[in-house]
N, C-alpha and C. Protein backbone atom coordinates (compact mmCIF):
# COMPACT_ATOMS: atom_id res chain seq x y z
N MET A 1 -14.45 -6.18 -26.74
CA MET A 1 -14.03 -6.94 -25.24
C MET A 1 -15.47 -7.03 -24.72
N SER A 2 -15.56 -8.49 -24.14
CA SER A 2 -17.07 -8.58 -24.11
C SER A 2 -16.45 -7.67 -21.59
N ASP A 3 -17.72 -8.01 -21.47
CA ASP A 3 -17.80 -7.48 -19.99
C ASP A 3 -16.99 -8.48 -19.16
N LYS A 4 -16.52 -9.97 -19.49
CA LYS A 4 -15.79 -10.64 -18.31
C LYS A 4 -14.45 -10.55 -18.93
N ALA A 5 -14.04 -10.32 -19.80
CA ALA A 5 -12.74 -9.56 -19.85
C ALA A 5 -12.49 -8.35 -19.85
N ALA A 6 -13.22 -7.57 -19.68
CA ALA A 6 -12.88 -6.19 -19.02
C ALA A 6 -12.91 -6.28 -17.45
N ILE A 7 -14.06 -6.84 -16.78
CA ILE A 7 -13.98 -7.25 -15.32
C ILE A 7 -12.87 -8.06 -15.14
N LEU A 8 -11.98 -8.85 -15.63
CA LEU A 8 -11.11 -9.71 -15.13
C LEU A 8 -9.45 -8.95 -15.81
N ARG A 9 -9.67 -7.83 -16.79
CA ARG A 9 -8.71 -6.96 -17.15
C ARG A 9 -8.39 -6.05 -15.90
N GLN A 10 -9.73 -5.68 -15.71
CA GLN A 10 -9.58 -4.32 -14.03
C GLN A 10 -9.16 -4.94 -13.00
N LEU A 11 -9.15 -6.65 -12.69
CA LEU A 11 -9.04 -7.02 -11.23
C LEU A 11 -7.60 -7.26 -11.11
N LYS A 12 -7.21 -7.70 -12.62
CA LYS A 12 -5.18 -7.81 -12.74
C LYS A 12 -5.27 -6.33 -12.35
N ILE A 13 -5.37 -5.57 -13.34
CA ILE A 13 -4.63 -3.98 -12.61
C ILE A 13 -5.06 -3.61 -11.50
N LYS A 14 -5.98 -3.55 -10.72
CA LYS A 14 -6.46 -3.28 -9.03
C LYS A 14 -5.75 -3.95 -7.61
N THR A 15 -5.34 -5.55 -8.47
CA THR A 15 -4.96 -6.03 -7.83
C THR A 15 -3.39 -5.58 -7.88
N GLY A 16 -2.66 -5.55 -9.08
CA GLY A 16 -1.92 -4.86 -8.51
C GLY A 16 -1.34 -3.34 -8.18
N VAL A 17 -1.80 -3.15 -8.02
CA VAL A 17 -1.61 -1.18 -7.56
C VAL A 17 -2.35 -1.99 -5.84
N ALA A 18 -3.14 -2.59 -5.35
CA ALA A 18 -2.86 -3.10 -3.72
C ALA A 18 -1.69 -3.26 -3.66
N LYS A 19 -1.16 -4.60 -4.60
CA LYS A 19 0.01 -4.79 -4.38
C LYS A 19 1.36 -3.81 -3.71
N ARG A 20 1.01 -3.14 -5.01
CA ARG A 20 1.96 -2.16 -4.76
C ARG A 20 2.52 -1.77 -4.05
N LEU A 21 0.90 -1.20 -3.62
CA LEU A 21 1.03 0.31 -2.56
C LEU A 21 0.82 -0.20 -1.25
N PHE A 22 0.42 -1.52 -0.93
CA PHE A 22 1.21 -2.11 0.11
C PHE A 22 2.39 -2.05 0.66
N LYS A 23 3.23 -2.86 -0.75
CA LYS A 23 5.34 -2.63 -0.55
C LYS A 23 5.11 -1.53 -0.30
N GLU A 24 4.93 -0.93 -1.05
CA GLU A 24 5.52 1.03 -0.70
C GLU A 24 5.30 1.36 1.05
N HIS A 25 3.84 0.89 1.35
CA HIS A 25 3.38 1.48 2.59
C HIS A 25 3.99 0.94 3.83
N ARG A 26 4.75 -0.51 3.32
CA ARG A 26 5.26 -1.00 3.87
C ARG A 26 7.19 -0.40 3.87
N SER A 27 6.82 0.16 2.98
CA SER A 27 8.67 0.42 2.73
C SER A 27 9.11 1.82 3.99
N TYR A 28 7.93 2.45 3.30
CA TYR A 28 7.61 3.81 4.54
C TYR A 28 7.92 3.65 5.90
N VAL A 29 7.37 2.79 6.17
CA VAL A 29 7.14 2.30 7.76
C VAL A 29 8.43 1.66 7.84
N LEU A 30 9.02 1.17 7.26
CA LEU A 30 10.32 1.07 7.34
C LEU A 30 11.47 2.03 7.59
N GLU A 31 11.15 3.08 6.36
CA GLU A 31 12.12 4.38 6.59
C GLU A 31 12.14 4.72 7.86
N GLU A 32 10.67 5.05 7.95
CA GLU A 32 10.64 5.56 9.34
C GLU A 32 11.43 5.65 10.38
N GLU A 33 11.27 4.98 10.99
CA GLU A 33 11.71 3.60 12.16
C GLU A 33 12.87 3.73 11.65
N GLN A 34 13.42 3.39 11.05
CA GLN A 34 14.91 4.04 10.78
C GLN A 34 15.59 5.65 10.78
N GLN A 35 15.07 6.41 10.16
CA GLN A 35 14.67 7.62 10.29
C GLN A 35 14.68 8.12 12.03
N LYS A 36 13.82 7.18 13.12
CA LYS A 36 13.89 7.60 14.47
C LYS A 36 14.77 6.84 15.00
N ILE A 37 15.54 5.90 14.48
CA ILE A 37 16.43 5.11 15.00
C ILE A 37 17.59 6.34 15.50
N LYS A 38 17.86 6.59 13.61
CA LYS A 38 18.59 7.86 13.57
C LYS A 38 18.64 9.07 14.54
N LEU A 39 17.41 9.28 14.62
CA LEU A 39 17.01 10.83 15.13
C LEU A 39 17.80 10.55 16.34
N ASP A 40 17.05 8.97 17.03
CA ASP A 40 17.75 9.43 18.62
C ASP A 40 18.82 9.30 18.81
N LYS A 41 20.00 8.78 18.00
CA LYS A 41 21.65 8.95 18.42
C LYS A 41 22.02 9.68 18.12
N PHE A 42 21.34 10.54 16.99
CA PHE A 42 21.89 12.11 17.07
C PHE A 42 21.59 12.85 18.24
N ILE A 43 20.71 12.80 18.51
CA ILE A 43 20.67 13.51 19.55
C ILE A 43 21.18 13.11 21.50
N ALA A 44 20.96 11.75 21.22
CA ALA A 44 21.62 11.21 22.29
C ALA A 44 23.73 11.62 22.46
N ASP A 45 24.37 11.91 21.12
CA ASP A 45 25.45 11.77 20.74
C ASP A 45 25.66 13.45 20.49
N ASN A 46 24.26 14.30 21.06
CA ASN A 46 24.96 16.07 20.93
C ASN A 46 25.13 16.23 19.67
N ALA A 47 24.81 14.91 18.60
CA ALA A 47 24.98 16.11 16.82
C ALA A 47 24.98 17.41 16.95
N GLU A 48 24.92 18.25 15.88
CA GLU A 48 24.60 19.29 15.89
C GLU A 48 23.46 19.39 15.70
N ASP A 49 23.07 21.00 15.80
CA ASP A 49 21.57 21.30 15.90
C ASP A 49 21.22 21.04 14.34
N TRP A 50 22.24 21.43 12.51
CA TRP A 50 21.58 21.26 11.61
C TRP A 50 21.43 19.76 11.46
N ASP A 51 21.98 18.87 11.72
CA ASP A 51 22.18 17.13 11.71
C ASP A 51 20.59 16.27 12.39
N ILE A 52 20.38 17.25 13.57
CA ILE A 52 18.92 16.89 14.18
C ILE A 52 18.20 17.43 13.67
N LYS A 53 17.79 18.61 13.53
CA LYS A 53 16.65 19.95 12.98
C LYS A 53 16.57 18.82 11.01
N ASN A 54 17.70 17.90 10.77
CA ASN A 54 17.14 17.66 9.11
C ASN A 54 16.63 16.19 9.52
N ALA A 55 17.35 15.52 10.49
CA ALA A 55 16.72 13.97 11.17
C ALA A 55 15.43 14.35 11.01
N ARG A 56 15.10 15.32 12.26
CA ARG A 56 13.50 15.82 12.38
C ARG A 56 12.32 15.79 11.07
N ARG A 57 13.06 16.91 10.16
CA ARG A 57 12.23 16.79 8.64
C ARG A 57 12.64 15.80 8.28
N MET A 58 13.08 14.79 8.00
CA MET A 58 13.44 13.54 7.33
C MET A 58 11.99 12.53 7.75
N LEU A 59 12.36 12.77 8.97
CA LEU A 59 11.20 11.77 9.74
C LEU A 59 9.99 12.24 9.31
N GLU A 60 9.63 13.38 9.40
CA GLU A 60 8.44 14.25 9.09
C GLU A 60 7.55 13.54 8.05
N GLU A 61 8.91 13.37 7.30
CA GLU A 61 8.51 13.49 5.64
C GLU A 61 8.15 11.47 5.72
N SER A 62 8.66 10.81 5.91
CA SER A 62 8.22 9.84 5.87
C SER A 62 7.11 9.73 6.49
N HIS A 63 7.16 9.91 7.78
CA HIS A 63 5.64 10.29 8.36
C HIS A 63 4.49 10.45 7.43
N LYS A 64 4.89 12.03 6.62
CA LYS A 64 2.87 12.20 5.18
C LYS A 64 3.48 11.17 4.74
N MET A 65 4.52 10.52 4.47
CA MET A 65 4.30 9.67 3.07
C MET A 65 3.91 8.36 3.60
N ILE A 66 3.91 8.27 4.97
CA ILE A 66 3.20 6.62 5.45
C ILE A 66 1.47 7.17 5.67
N ASP A 67 0.98 8.05 5.73
CA ASP A 67 -0.48 8.67 5.67
C ASP A 67 -0.83 8.58 4.38
N ASP A 68 -0.03 9.76 3.53
CA ASP A 68 -0.74 9.17 2.10
C ASP A 68 -0.12 7.39 1.44
N THR A 69 0.52 6.96 1.70
CA THR A 69 0.54 5.18 1.49
C THR A 69 -0.69 4.99 1.77
N ALA A 70 -1.18 4.98 3.32
CA ALA A 70 -2.64 4.41 3.72
C ALA A 70 -3.81 4.82 3.02
N LYS A 71 -3.62 5.98 2.86
CA LYS A 71 -5.25 6.87 1.96
C LYS A 71 -5.42 5.91 0.94
N ARG A 72 -4.25 6.35 0.23
CA ARG A 72 -4.05 5.67 -1.58
C ARG A 72 -4.64 3.86 -1.26
N LEU A 73 -3.99 3.32 -0.61
CA LEU A 73 -3.49 2.12 0.33
C LEU A 73 -5.84 1.22 0.34
N GLY A 74 -6.00 2.00 0.99
CA GLY A 74 -6.99 2.53 1.77
C GLY A 74 -8.51 2.60 0.65
N ASP A 75 -8.19 3.14 -0.90
CA ASP A 75 -9.01 3.40 -1.89
C ASP A 75 -8.59 2.36 -2.56
N ALA A 76 -7.37 1.92 -2.69
CA ALA A 76 -7.09 0.74 -3.62
C ALA A 76 -8.40 -0.85 -3.34
N VAL A 77 -8.08 -0.71 -1.96
CA VAL A 77 -8.46 -1.83 -1.75
C VAL A 77 -9.72 -1.92 -1.79
N GLN A 78 -10.81 -0.46 -1.40
CA GLN A 78 -11.97 -0.97 -1.48
C GLN A 78 -12.18 -0.45 -2.84
N ASP A 79 -11.88 0.11 -4.16
CA ASP A 79 -11.98 -0.36 -5.63
C ASP A 79 -11.77 -1.69 -5.72
N LEU A 80 -11.00 -2.67 -4.81
CA LEU A 80 -10.83 -3.98 -5.21
C LEU A 80 -11.58 -4.99 -4.20
N ARG A 81 -11.64 -3.94 -4.06
CA ARG A 81 -12.93 -4.96 -2.94
C ARG A 81 -14.39 -4.94 -3.79
N GLN A 82 -14.59 -3.65 -4.42
CA GLN A 82 -15.74 -3.63 -5.67
C GLN A 82 -15.70 -4.66 -6.24
N LEU A 83 -15.01 -4.22 -7.09
CA LEU A 83 -14.84 -5.09 -8.27
C LEU A 83 -14.66 -6.48 -8.09
N LEU A 84 -14.69 -7.58 -6.40
CA LEU A 84 -14.50 -8.10 -6.69
C LEU A 84 -15.96 -8.79 -6.45
N VAL A 85 -17.26 -7.80 -5.89
CA VAL A 85 -18.27 -8.20 -5.82
C VAL A 85 -19.11 -8.12 -6.82
N ALA A 86 -19.02 -7.41 -7.96
CA ALA A 86 -18.92 -7.27 -9.65
C ALA A 86 -19.02 -8.64 -9.85
N ALA A 87 -17.42 -9.33 -9.42
CA ALA A 87 -16.93 -10.79 -10.53
C ALA A 87 -17.90 -11.56 -9.51
N GLU A 88 -18.38 -11.70 -8.17
CA GLU A 88 -18.94 -12.78 -7.70
C GLU A 88 -19.97 -13.06 -8.35
N LYS A 89 -21.14 -11.74 -8.94
CA LYS A 89 -22.22 -12.11 -9.04
C LYS A 89 -22.50 -13.04 -10.63
N ASP A 90 -21.13 -13.01 -11.30
CA ASP A 90 -21.12 -13.40 -12.72
C ASP A 90 -20.25 -14.88 -12.19
N PRO A 91 -21.31 -16.63 -12.30
CA PRO A 91 -20.81 -17.17 -11.97
C PRO A 91 -19.74 -17.93 -12.64
N SER A 92 -19.56 -17.24 -13.99
CA SER A 92 -18.55 -18.26 -14.41
C SER A 92 -16.78 -17.64 -14.63
N LEU A 93 -17.49 -16.33 -13.94
CA LEU A 93 -15.63 -16.11 -13.34
C LEU A 93 -15.61 -16.69 -11.94
N THR A 94 -15.97 -16.92 -11.13
CA THR A 94 -15.98 -17.37 -9.90
C THR A 94 -14.66 -17.97 -9.47
N ASP A 95 -14.39 -18.93 -10.46
CA ASP A 95 -13.13 -19.63 -10.71
C ASP A 95 -11.63 -19.56 -11.17
N GLU A 96 -11.92 -17.86 -12.24
CA GLU A 96 -10.55 -17.17 -12.92
C GLU A 96 -9.51 -17.16 -12.72
N GLU A 97 -8.58 -17.33 -12.52
CA GLU A 97 -7.04 -17.35 -11.62
C GLU A 97 -7.52 -15.99 -10.54
N ASP A 98 -7.47 -14.69 -12.12
CA ASP A 98 -7.72 -13.62 -11.63
C ASP A 98 -8.61 -13.08 -10.41
N VAL A 99 -9.54 -14.26 -10.69
CA VAL A 99 -10.49 -13.28 -9.13
C VAL A 99 -9.99 -14.61 -7.79
N LEU A 100 -9.54 -15.23 -8.17
CA LEU A 100 -8.63 -15.99 -7.02
C LEU A 100 -6.96 -15.27 -6.30
N LYS A 101 -6.97 -14.83 -7.92
CA LYS A 101 -5.28 -14.04 -7.27
C LYS A 101 -5.80 -12.99 -6.01
N ALA A 102 -7.13 -11.91 -6.63
CA ALA A 102 -7.30 -10.96 -6.27
C ALA A 102 -7.84 -11.37 -5.09
N LYS A 103 -8.25 -11.88 -4.75
CA LYS A 103 -9.15 -12.57 -3.53
C LYS A 103 -7.96 -12.41 -2.52
N GLU A 104 -6.88 -12.91 -2.95
CA GLU A 104 -5.29 -13.57 -2.08
C GLU A 104 -4.91 -11.85 -1.65
N VAL A 105 -4.87 -10.93 -2.53
CA VAL A 105 -3.95 -10.13 -2.34
C VAL A 105 -5.17 -9.26 -1.12
N LEU A 106 -6.17 -9.40 -1.95
CA LEU A 106 -7.04 -8.66 -0.75
C LEU A 106 -7.25 -9.18 1.06
N GLU A 107 -6.69 -10.07 0.86
CA GLU A 107 -6.58 -10.46 2.30
C GLU A 107 -5.43 -10.05 3.02
N GLU A 108 -4.02 -10.36 1.80
CA GLU A 108 -3.22 -9.73 2.47
C GLU A 108 -2.16 -8.21 3.01
N VAL A 109 -3.34 -7.70 2.07
CA VAL A 109 -3.13 -5.89 2.08
C VAL A 109 -4.51 -5.77 2.80
N SER A 110 -4.64 -6.00 3.45
CA SER A 110 -6.32 -5.98 4.13
C SER A 110 -6.12 -5.96 6.26
N VAL A 111 -4.67 -7.00 5.76
CA VAL A 111 -4.34 -7.70 7.39
C VAL A 111 -4.22 -6.34 8.52
């Protein structure tokens, strides 16, 4: 496999990883918001201690997952950025579809 093909393959893989982790991170943020609302409702309704304790535990788990996915997303973005820099050094790769798509995804997930 040529260098060009290897770089394009890695770009495709790392672009997919970044997109998936971004989606996963967003999902956990949404879940945390829902768990917070649920916990607040339990507290307001004077629910049983077990329900409140369980809701707090679920909220903590969501928060841990947000931290975890944020770290993994950061690592994936950094890997993708480094690979893009390497790809941009090769003039034959600048107009490749995978390079352009990687740039779009990098912009999307870096926001």
